[in-house]
Amino acid sequence: MSKTSSILDFLEAGIRAESLRQKAIANNIANLETPGYRRIDVKFEELLAKLLDSSGAVELSEVEPQIHQPKQTPVKSNGNDVNLESEVGEMVKNTLRYKAYIRLLNKKYNQIELAMSIK
């Protein structure tokens, strides 16, 4: 795998993860008052870090973002653990990460176009 395609693959994997995380956050907010609902989150960064720490070739197809229930937040009397302020904060962070990935991807494509146009 070339270095350029590797960078593009990492950016695309990050975009997929942030898209899934945005859906998870929206789902949490939609279930803010649902009795017994436990919030969900996306596990991606930990999986990617393990892959990068391992020796050998990095195969991003092996790293797919996974939905999981952290079960670390305090539960309210109705059994629900969604906190609106926390979810809005996570949404803001997620949006910033998503925009950063998109900007980096656009910059990389612009570099590729520039390289192709030079004679």
Protein backbone atom coordinates (compact mmCIF):
# COMPACT_ATOMS: atom_id res chain seq x y z
CA MET A 1 0.00 0.00 0.00
CA SER A 2 1.44 3.38 -0.97
CA LYS A 3 1.82 6.13 1.58
CA THR A 4 -0.74 8.33 -0.23
CA SER A 5 -3.42 5.66 -0.34
CA SER A 6 -2.62 4.83 3.28
CA ILE A 7 -3.31 8.41 4.34
CA LEU A 8 -6.51 8.47 2.31
CA ASP A 9 -7.58 5.17 3.87
CA PHE A 10 -7.00 6.52 7.38
CA LEU A 11 -8.99 9.67 6.64
CA GLU A 12 -11.86 7.72 5.12
CA ALA A 13 -11.92 5.33 8.10
CA GLY A 14 -12.06 8.33 10.44
CA ILE A 15 -14.93 9.85 8.47
CA ARG A 16 -16.87 6.56 8.66
CA ALA A 17 -16.29 6.37 12.41
CA GLU A 18 -17.41 9.96 13.03
CA SER A 19 -20.51 9.43 10.89
CA LEU A 20 -21.47 6.39 12.94
CA ARG A 21 -20.72 8.28 16.17
CA GLN A 22 -23.01 11.13 15.05
CA LYS A 23 -25.84 8.62 14.56
CA ALA A 24 -25.17 7.11 18.00
CA ILE A 25 -25.28 10.55 19.65
CA ALA A 26 -28.52 11.42 17.83
CA ASN A 27 -29.98 8.10 19.00
CA ASN A 28 -28.95 8.85 22.58
CA ILE A 29 -30.59 12.28 22.47
CA ALA A 30 -33.74 10.83 20.90
CA ASN A 31 -33.98 8.39 23.82
CA LEU A 32 -33.27 10.98 26.51
CA GLU A 33 -36.46 10.14 28.44
CA THR A 34 -36.88 6.48 27.45
CA PRO A 35 -37.04 4.38 30.63
CA GLY A 36 -34.25 1.80 30.83
CA TYR A 37 -32.35 3.14 27.83
CA ARG A 38 -28.56 3.01 28.17
CA ARG A 39 -26.48 5.32 26.02
CA ILE A 40 -24.35 3.96 23.20
CA ASP A 41 -20.98 5.07 21.91
CA VAL A 42 -18.59 4.16 19.12
CA LYS A 43 -15.33 2.35 19.71
CA PHE A 44 -12.84 3.23 16.98
CA GLU A 45 -9.81 5.06 18.30
CA GLU A 46 -8.86 2.20 20.64
CA LEU A 47 -9.12 -0.34 17.82
CA LEU A 48 -7.07 1.84 15.50
CA ALA A 49 -4.39 2.39 18.16
CA LYS A 50 -4.06 -1.37 18.72
CA LEU A 51 -3.69 -1.91 14.98
CA LEU A 52 -1.03 0.80 14.68
CA ASP A 53 0.89 -0.58 17.68
CA SER A 54 1.02 -4.06 16.20
CA SER A 55 3.92 -4.98 13.97
CA GLY A 56 3.36 -5.68 10.30
CA ALA A 57 1.26 -4.10 7.60
CA VAL A 58 -1.70 -1.97 8.63
CA GLU A 59 -4.92 -3.27 7.11
CA LEU A 60 -7.66 -0.72 7.72
CA SER A 61 -10.35 -3.05 6.43
CA GLU A 62 -9.87 -4.96 9.71
CA VAL A 63 -10.80 -1.88 11.76
CA GLU A 64 -14.47 -1.08 11.64
CA PRO A 65 -16.06 1.27 14.17
CA GLN A 66 -18.12 -0.68 16.70
CA ILE A 67 -21.14 0.43 18.70
CA HIS A 68 -20.93 -0.43 22.38
CA GLN A 69 -22.55 0.52 25.68
CA PRO A 70 -19.99 2.05 28.05
CA LYS A 71 -22.22 1.64 31.15
CA GLN A 72 -19.98 4.03 33.06
CA THR A 73 -22.39 6.93 33.46
CA PRO A 74 -24.72 7.35 36.41
CA VAL A 75 -28.19 5.87 35.94
CA LYS A 76 -31.27 7.95 36.75
CA SER A 77 -34.26 6.58 38.69
CA ASN A 78 -35.94 5.47 35.43
CA GLY A 79 -32.90 3.38 34.45
CA ASN A 80 -31.78 5.83 31.75
CA ASP A 81 -28.20 7.14 31.73
CA VAL A 82 -28.34 9.76 28.95
CA ASN A 83 -27.19 13.25 29.97
CA LEU A 84 -28.19 15.92 27.45
CA GLU A 85 -25.28 18.24 28.26
CA SER A 86 -22.75 15.44 27.80
CA GLU A 87 -24.31 14.36 24.53
CA VAL A 88 -24.30 17.91 23.15
CA GLY A 89 -20.65 18.24 24.16
CA GLU A 90 -19.85 14.95 22.42
CA MET A 91 -21.73 16.15 19.34
CA VAL A 92 -19.65 19.33 19.18
CA LYS A 93 -16.38 17.36 19.50
CA ASN A 94 -17.56 14.84 16.92
CA THR A 95 -18.50 17.58 14.46
CA LEU A 96 -15.08 19.19 14.81
CA ARG A 97 -13.31 15.86 14.22
CA TYR A 98 -15.51 15.13 11.20
CA LYS A 99 -14.80 18.56 9.69
CA ALA A 100 -11.08 18.12 10.28
CA TYR A 101 -11.09 14.76 8.48
CA ILE A 102 -13.03 16.25 5.56
CA ARG A 103 -10.65 19.23 5.28
CA LEU A 104 -7.60 16.96 5.36
CA LEU A 105 -9.14 14.69 2.74
CA ASN A 106 -9.92 17.67 0.49
CA LYS A 107 -6.37 18.96 0.93
CA LYS A 108 -4.95 15.55 -0.02
CA TYR A 109 -7.13 15.37 -3.15
CA ASN A 110 -6.09 18.91 -4.08
CA GLN A 111 -2.43 17.86 -3.77
CA ILE A 112 -3.06 14.88 -6.02
CA GLU A 113 -4.79 17.09 -8.63
CA LEU A 114 -1.93 19.58 -8.49
CA ALA A 115 0.63 16.81 -8.98
CA MET A 116 -1.28 15.51 -11.99
CA SER A 117 -1.48 18.93 -13.61
CA ILE A 118 2.28 19.66 -13.37
CA LYS A 119 4.13 18.84 -16.62
